[in-house]
Amino acid sequence: MIRTLYQDKYNPKKTWEVTSISHGFYLKQFICGKQFGRGLKTSREYLRSVGILDMQILIREEVK
């Protein structure tokens, strides 16, 4: 699995964590380093429509 952190372009305190899982992606939202919500299983089309894939990448790493 690959975990990628994206910096929100409208709120510098907000980051989005996208983890690739089988048959999709898992999306988490962090504000000031704290997770908000439970997370969401989603697709690449949804990530593109929301604009997350166009944001600046902070970290990309492989997780086990």
N, C-alpha and C. Protein backbone atom coordinates (compact mmCIF):
# COMPACT_ATOMS: atom_id res chain seq x y z
N MET A 1 0.84 -1.18 0.00
CA MET A 1 0.00 0.00 0.00
C MET A 1 0.88 1.24 0.00
N ILE A 2 0.41 2.23 -0.67
CA ILE A 2 1.13 3.51 -0.74
C ILE A 2 0.28 4.57 -0.07
N ARG A 3 0.89 5.31 0.85
CA ARG A 3 0.21 6.39 1.56
C ARG A 3 0.77 7.72 1.07
N THR A 4 -0.13 8.63 0.70
CA THR A 4 0.26 9.94 0.19
C THR A 4 -0.45 11.02 0.99
N LEU A 5 0.30 12.03 1.41
CA LEU A 5 -0.28 13.18 2.10
C LEU A 5 -0.33 14.36 1.14
N TYR A 6 -1.50 14.97 1.04
CA TYR A 6 -1.69 16.13 0.18
C TYR A 6 -1.98 17.35 1.04
N GLN A 7 -1.40 18.49 0.68
CA GLN A 7 -1.65 19.76 1.37
C GLN A 7 -2.85 20.43 0.73
N ASP A 8 -3.85 20.78 1.55
CA ASP A 8 -5.04 21.47 1.06
C ASP A 8 -4.63 22.85 0.53
N LYS A 9 -5.13 23.22 -0.64
CA LYS A 9 -4.70 24.49 -1.24
C LYS A 9 -5.46 25.69 -0.68
N TYR A 10 -6.56 25.46 0.05
CA TYR A 10 -7.33 26.56 0.60
C TYR A 10 -7.07 26.76 2.10
N ASN A 11 -6.69 25.71 2.81
CA ASN A 11 -6.44 25.79 4.25
C ASN A 11 -5.08 25.16 4.55
N PRO A 12 -4.09 25.96 4.89
CA PRO A 12 -2.75 25.41 5.12
C PRO A 12 -2.66 24.50 6.35
N LYS A 13 -3.67 24.52 7.23
CA LYS A 13 -3.66 23.64 8.40
C LYS A 13 -4.26 22.27 8.12
N LYS A 14 -4.81 22.08 6.92
CA LYS A 14 -5.52 20.85 6.59
C LYS A 14 -4.68 20.00 5.63
N THR A 15 -4.60 18.71 5.92
CA THR A 15 -3.96 17.76 5.01
C THR A 15 -4.91 16.60 4.76
N TRP A 16 -4.73 15.95 3.63
CA TRP A 16 -5.52 14.80 3.24
C TRP A 16 -4.59 13.61 3.09
N GLU A 17 -4.95 12.50 3.69
CA GLU A 17 -4.17 11.26 3.56
C GLU A 17 -4.92 10.31 2.65
N VAL A 18 -4.28 9.89 1.58
CA VAL A 18 -4.87 8.95 0.63
C VAL A 18 -4.01 7.69 0.65
N THR A 19 -4.64 6.57 1.01
CA THR A 19 -3.96 5.28 1.06
C THR A 19 -4.56 4.37 0.01
N SER A 20 -3.71 3.80 -0.82
CA SER A 20 -4.21 2.88 -1.84
C SER A 20 -4.50 1.54 -1.17
N ILE A 21 -5.70 1.03 -1.41
CA ILE A 21 -6.10 -0.29 -0.93
C ILE A 21 -6.62 -1.07 -2.12
N SER A 22 -6.90 -2.34 -1.91
CA SER A 22 -7.41 -3.13 -3.02
C SER A 22 -8.77 -2.58 -3.44
N HIS A 23 -8.95 -2.37 -4.71
CA HIS A 23 -10.19 -1.88 -5.31
C HIS A 23 -10.54 -0.46 -4.90
N GLY A 24 -9.54 0.40 -4.70
CA GLY A 24 -9.86 1.79 -4.42
C GLY A 24 -8.85 2.48 -3.54
N PHE A 25 -9.33 3.50 -2.84
CA PHE A 25 -8.49 4.32 -1.99
C PHE A 25 -9.22 4.59 -0.68
N TYR A 26 -8.45 4.89 0.37
CA TYR A 26 -9.01 5.26 1.66
C TYR A 26 -8.58 6.69 1.95
N LEU A 27 -9.54 7.56 2.22
CA LEU A 27 -9.31 8.99 2.37
C LEU A 27 -9.54 9.42 3.81
N LYS A 28 -8.57 10.13 4.40
CA LYS A 28 -8.69 10.67 5.75
C LYS A 28 -8.36 12.16 5.71
N GLN A 29 -9.02 12.92 6.59
CA GLN A 29 -8.80 14.35 6.68
C GLN A 29 -8.16 14.67 8.02
N PHE A 30 -7.10 15.49 7.99
CA PHE A 30 -6.42 15.91 9.21
C PHE A 30 -6.39 17.43 9.25
N ILE A 31 -6.75 18.00 10.42
CA ILE A 31 -6.66 19.43 10.62
C ILE A 31 -5.79 19.65 11.85
N CYS A 32 -4.73 20.40 11.70
CA CYS A 32 -3.74 20.64 12.77
C CYS A 32 -3.21 19.33 13.34
N GLY A 33 -3.05 18.34 12.49
CA GLY A 33 -2.48 17.07 12.90
C GLY A 33 -3.45 16.09 13.54
N LYS A 34 -4.72 16.47 13.70
CA LYS A 34 -5.72 15.59 14.31
C LYS A 34 -6.69 15.12 13.24
N GLN A 35 -7.02 13.83 13.29
CA GLN A 35 -7.94 13.27 12.30
C GLN A 35 -9.36 13.69 12.60
N PHE A 36 -10.10 14.10 11.55
CA PHE A 36 -11.50 14.44 11.68
C PHE A 36 -12.30 13.44 10.87
N GLY A 37 -13.30 12.85 11.49
CA GLY A 37 -14.11 11.85 10.83
C GLY A 37 -13.45 10.48 10.89
N ARG A 38 -14.11 9.51 10.28
CA ARG A 38 -13.64 8.13 10.33
C ARG A 38 -12.83 7.74 9.10
N GLY A 39 -12.94 8.47 8.05
CA GLY A 39 -12.30 8.08 6.80
C GLY A 39 -13.36 7.59 5.83
N LEU A 40 -12.95 7.43 4.59
CA LEU A 40 -13.91 7.12 3.53
C LEU A 40 -13.24 6.26 2.48
N LYS A 41 -13.87 5.14 2.13
CA LYS A 41 -13.38 4.33 1.01
C LYS A 41 -13.94 4.97 -0.26
N THR A 42 -13.06 5.23 -1.22
CA THR A 42 -13.48 6.00 -2.39
C THR A 42 -12.75 5.52 -3.64
N SER A 43 -13.03 6.18 -4.75
CA SER A 43 -12.44 5.82 -6.04
C SER A 43 -11.55 6.96 -6.55
N ARG A 44 -10.78 6.66 -7.57
CA ARG A 44 -9.91 7.68 -8.17
C ARG A 44 -10.75 8.79 -8.82
N GLU A 45 -11.91 8.44 -9.38
CA GLU A 45 -12.77 9.44 -10.00
C GLU A 45 -13.27 10.45 -8.96
N TYR A 46 -13.62 9.98 -7.77
CA TYR A 46 -14.08 10.89 -6.72
C TYR A 46 -12.95 11.81 -6.27
N LEU A 47 -11.74 11.25 -6.09
CA LEU A 47 -10.60 12.07 -5.68
C LEU A 47 -10.30 13.14 -6.72
N ARG A 48 -10.44 12.80 -7.99
CA ARG A 48 -10.20 13.77 -9.06
C ARG A 48 -11.29 14.84 -9.07
N SER A 49 -12.56 14.44 -8.86
CA SER A 49 -13.66 15.41 -8.91
C SER A 49 -13.60 16.39 -7.74
N VAL A 50 -13.11 15.96 -6.59
CA VAL A 50 -12.99 16.84 -5.43
C VAL A 50 -11.75 17.73 -5.56
N GLY A 51 -10.77 17.32 -6.34
CA GLY A 51 -9.58 18.12 -6.57
C GLY A 51 -8.39 17.73 -5.71
N ILE A 52 -8.48 16.62 -5.01
CA ILE A 52 -7.39 16.21 -4.13
C ILE A 52 -6.16 15.81 -4.94
N LEU A 53 -6.34 15.19 -6.07
CA LEU A 53 -5.19 14.74 -6.87
C LEU A 53 -4.43 15.91 -7.48
N ASP A 54 -5.02 17.11 -7.49
CA ASP A 54 -4.35 18.30 -8.03
C ASP A 54 -3.59 19.08 -6.96
N MET A 55 -3.70 18.65 -5.70
CA MET A 55 -3.03 19.35 -4.60
C MET A 55 -1.56 18.96 -4.52
N GLN A 56 -0.80 19.75 -3.78
CA GLN A 56 0.63 19.51 -3.61
C GLN A 56 0.86 18.28 -2.74
N ILE A 57 1.78 17.42 -3.17
CA ILE A 57 2.12 16.21 -2.41
C ILE A 57 3.16 16.57 -1.36
N LEU A 58 2.87 16.24 -0.10
CA LEU A 58 3.82 16.46 0.98
C LEU A 58 4.71 15.24 1.18
N ILE A 59 4.11 14.07 1.32
CA ILE A 59 4.85 12.83 1.57
C ILE A 59 4.20 11.71 0.78
N ARG A 60 5.02 10.88 0.20
CA ARG A 60 4.56 9.64 -0.44
C ARG A 60 5.45 8.52 0.05
N GLU A 61 4.84 7.51 0.72
CA GLU A 61 5.62 6.44 1.29
C GLU A 61 4.87 5.12 1.19
N GLU A 62 5.62 4.05 1.24
CA GLU A 62 5.04 2.71 1.21
C GLU A 62 4.84 2.24 2.64
N VAL A 63 3.63 1.74 2.93
CA VAL A 63 3.33 1.22 4.25
C VAL A 63 2.99 -0.25 4.13
N LYS A 64 3.22 -0.99 5.20
CA LYS A 64 2.95 -2.43 5.16
C LYS A 64 1.62 -2.77 5.76
